[in-house]
């Protein structure tokens, strides 16, 4: 009786087919236009699910990078606005850019009299 041994290597995976174009577009746009990367990434995932094309990883990468970029942009915008508000309040407490208690007219008259 002959004994059959299983193969040492598993059977190769079937090819996924051509890569979805919108998945590639989503990945590339993620570095330039985040919103467009998010939109094309969702469309690509839907097409990949329907057609069985490849590129699911590219579409997911485009979505992740796109969403992270949008969140980072929102956080940086909020931080910038808060910094500007704090700087404006500190400027008012110091009496403006001309020093405490000195108006712009007083600063001009002092400079003008020194030049005479």
Protein backbone atom coordinates (compact mmCIF):
# COMPACT_ATOMS: atom_id res chain seq x y z
CA UNK A 1 0.00 0.00 0.00
CA UNK A 2 1.36 3.35 -1.00
CA UNK A 3 1.05 6.21 1.42
CA UNK A 4 0.26 9.67 -0.02
CA UNK A 5 1.99 12.55 1.70
CA UNK A 6 0.52 16.03 1.62
CA UNK A 7 2.39 18.65 -0.29
CA UNK A 8 4.88 20.71 1.67
CA UNK A 9 3.61 23.94 0.17
CA UNK A 10 0.02 25.11 -0.04
CA UNK A 11 -1.55 25.70 -3.41
CA UNK A 12 -0.84 29.18 -4.77
CA UNK A 13 -3.59 31.74 -4.30
CA UNK A 14 -5.61 32.61 -7.34
CA UNK A 15 -4.72 35.98 -8.85
CA UNK A 16 -7.01 38.79 -7.82
CA UNK A 17 -7.41 40.07 -11.33
CA UNK A 18 -6.60 43.54 -12.54
CA UNK A 19 -6.15 46.30 -9.98
CA UNK A 20 -9.08 48.67 -9.65
CA UNK A 21 -8.18 52.04 -11.16
CA UNK A 22 -10.07 54.05 -8.55
CA UNK A 23 -8.13 52.28 -5.79
CA UNK A 24 -4.90 53.54 -7.34
CA UNK A 25 -6.40 57.02 -7.79
CA UNK A 26 -7.55 57.04 -4.15
CA UNK A 27 -4.08 56.16 -2.90
CA UNK A 28 -2.38 58.83 -5.02
CA UNK A 29 -4.94 61.53 -4.18
CA UNK A 30 -4.55 60.83 -0.46
CA UNK A 31 -1.28 62.77 -0.56
CA UNK A 32 -2.75 65.80 -2.35
CA UNK A 33 -6.56 66.10 -2.05
CA UNK A 34 -7.81 64.18 0.97
CA UNK A 35 -11.54 64.60 0.35
CA UNK A 36 -11.24 63.25 -3.20
CA UNK A 37 -9.22 60.30 -1.88
CA UNK A 38 -11.98 59.47 0.58
CA UNK A 39 -14.68 59.60 -2.09
CA UNK A 40 -12.76 57.55 -4.65
CA UNK A 41 -11.67 55.07 -1.97
CA UNK A 42 -15.26 54.32 -1.00
CA UNK A 43 -16.30 53.96 -4.64
CA UNK A 44 -13.31 51.68 -5.30
CA UNK A 45 -14.15 49.41 -2.35
CA UNK A 46 -17.71 49.08 -3.61
CA UNK A 47 -16.51 48.22 -7.14
CA UNK A 48 -13.96 45.72 -5.80
CA UNK A 49 -16.64 43.97 -3.76
CA UNK A 50 -18.91 43.71 -6.85
CA UNK A 51 -16.34 42.78 -9.50
CA UNK A 52 -13.65 40.91 -7.54
CA UNK A 53 -10.87 43.16 -8.85
CA UNK A 54 -7.65 43.64 -6.92
CA UNK A 55 -6.56 46.79 -5.14
CA UNK A 56 -8.52 46.52 -1.90
CA UNK A 57 -5.39 47.35 0.10
CA UNK A 58 -4.72 50.45 -2.00
CA UNK A 59 -8.30 51.64 -1.54
CA UNK A 60 -8.11 51.13 2.23
CA UNK A 61 -4.74 52.89 2.40
CA UNK A 62 -6.18 55.84 0.46
CA UNK A 63 -9.13 56.00 2.85
CA UNK A 64 -6.98 55.82 5.98
CA UNK A 65 -4.50 58.45 4.79
CA UNK A 66 -7.36 60.66 3.56
CA UNK A 67 -9.28 60.49 6.85
CA UNK A 68 -6.13 61.04 8.93
CA UNK A 69 -5.25 64.08 6.79
CA UNK A 70 -8.73 65.57 7.22
CA UNK A 71 -8.66 65.07 11.00
CA UNK A 72 -5.13 66.52 11.22
CA UNK A 73 -6.21 69.54 9.18
CA UNK A 74 -9.18 70.17 11.47
CA UNK A 75 -7.05 69.82 14.62
CA UNK A 76 -4.36 72.16 13.25
CA UNK A 77 -6.99 74.72 12.26
CA UNK A 78 -8.51 74.70 15.74
CA UNK A 79 -5.06 75.04 17.34
CA UNK A 80 -4.20 77.96 15.04
CA UNK A 81 -7.45 79.79 15.83
CA UNK A 82 -6.90 79.27 19.57
CA UNK A 83 -3.33 80.57 19.31
CA UNK A 84 -4.52 83.67 17.46
CA UNK A 85 -7.22 84.31 20.06
CA UNK A 86 -4.74 83.99 22.92
CA UNK A 87 -2.25 86.28 21.17
CA UNK A 88 -4.96 88.88 20.59
CA UNK A 89 -6.00 88.84 24.24
CA UNK A 90 -2.40 89.19 25.42
CA UNK A 91 -1.91 92.12 23.06
CA UNK A 92 -4.96 93.89 24.53
CA UNK A 93 -3.75 93.33 28.10
CA UNK A 94 -0.39 94.89 27.31
CA UNK A 95 -1.96 98.02 25.86
CA UNK A 96 -1.46 97.18 22.21
CA UNK A 97 1.66 97.09 20.07
CA UNK A 98 2.89 100.51 21.26
CA UNK A 99 3.31 99.57 24.89
CA UNK A 100 1.06 99.83 27.95
CA UNK A 101 -1.09 102.94 28.15
CA UNK A 102 0.36 104.59 25.06
CA UNK A 103 -1.87 105.29 22.07
CA UNK A 104 -0.66 105.30 18.50
CA UNK A 105 -1.02 109.12 18.36
CA UNK A 106 1.15 109.56 21.44
CA UNK A 107 3.79 107.32 19.96
CA UNK A 108 3.83 109.36 16.73
CA UNK A 109 4.09 112.68 18.60
CA UNK A 110 6.99 111.37 20.69
CA UNK A 111 8.82 110.16 17.63
CA UNK A 112 8.03 113.42 15.81
CA UNK A 113 9.33 115.60 18.62
CA UNK A 114 12.52 113.60 18.88
CA UNK A 115 13.19 114.17 15.20
CA UNK A 116 12.91 117.94 15.51
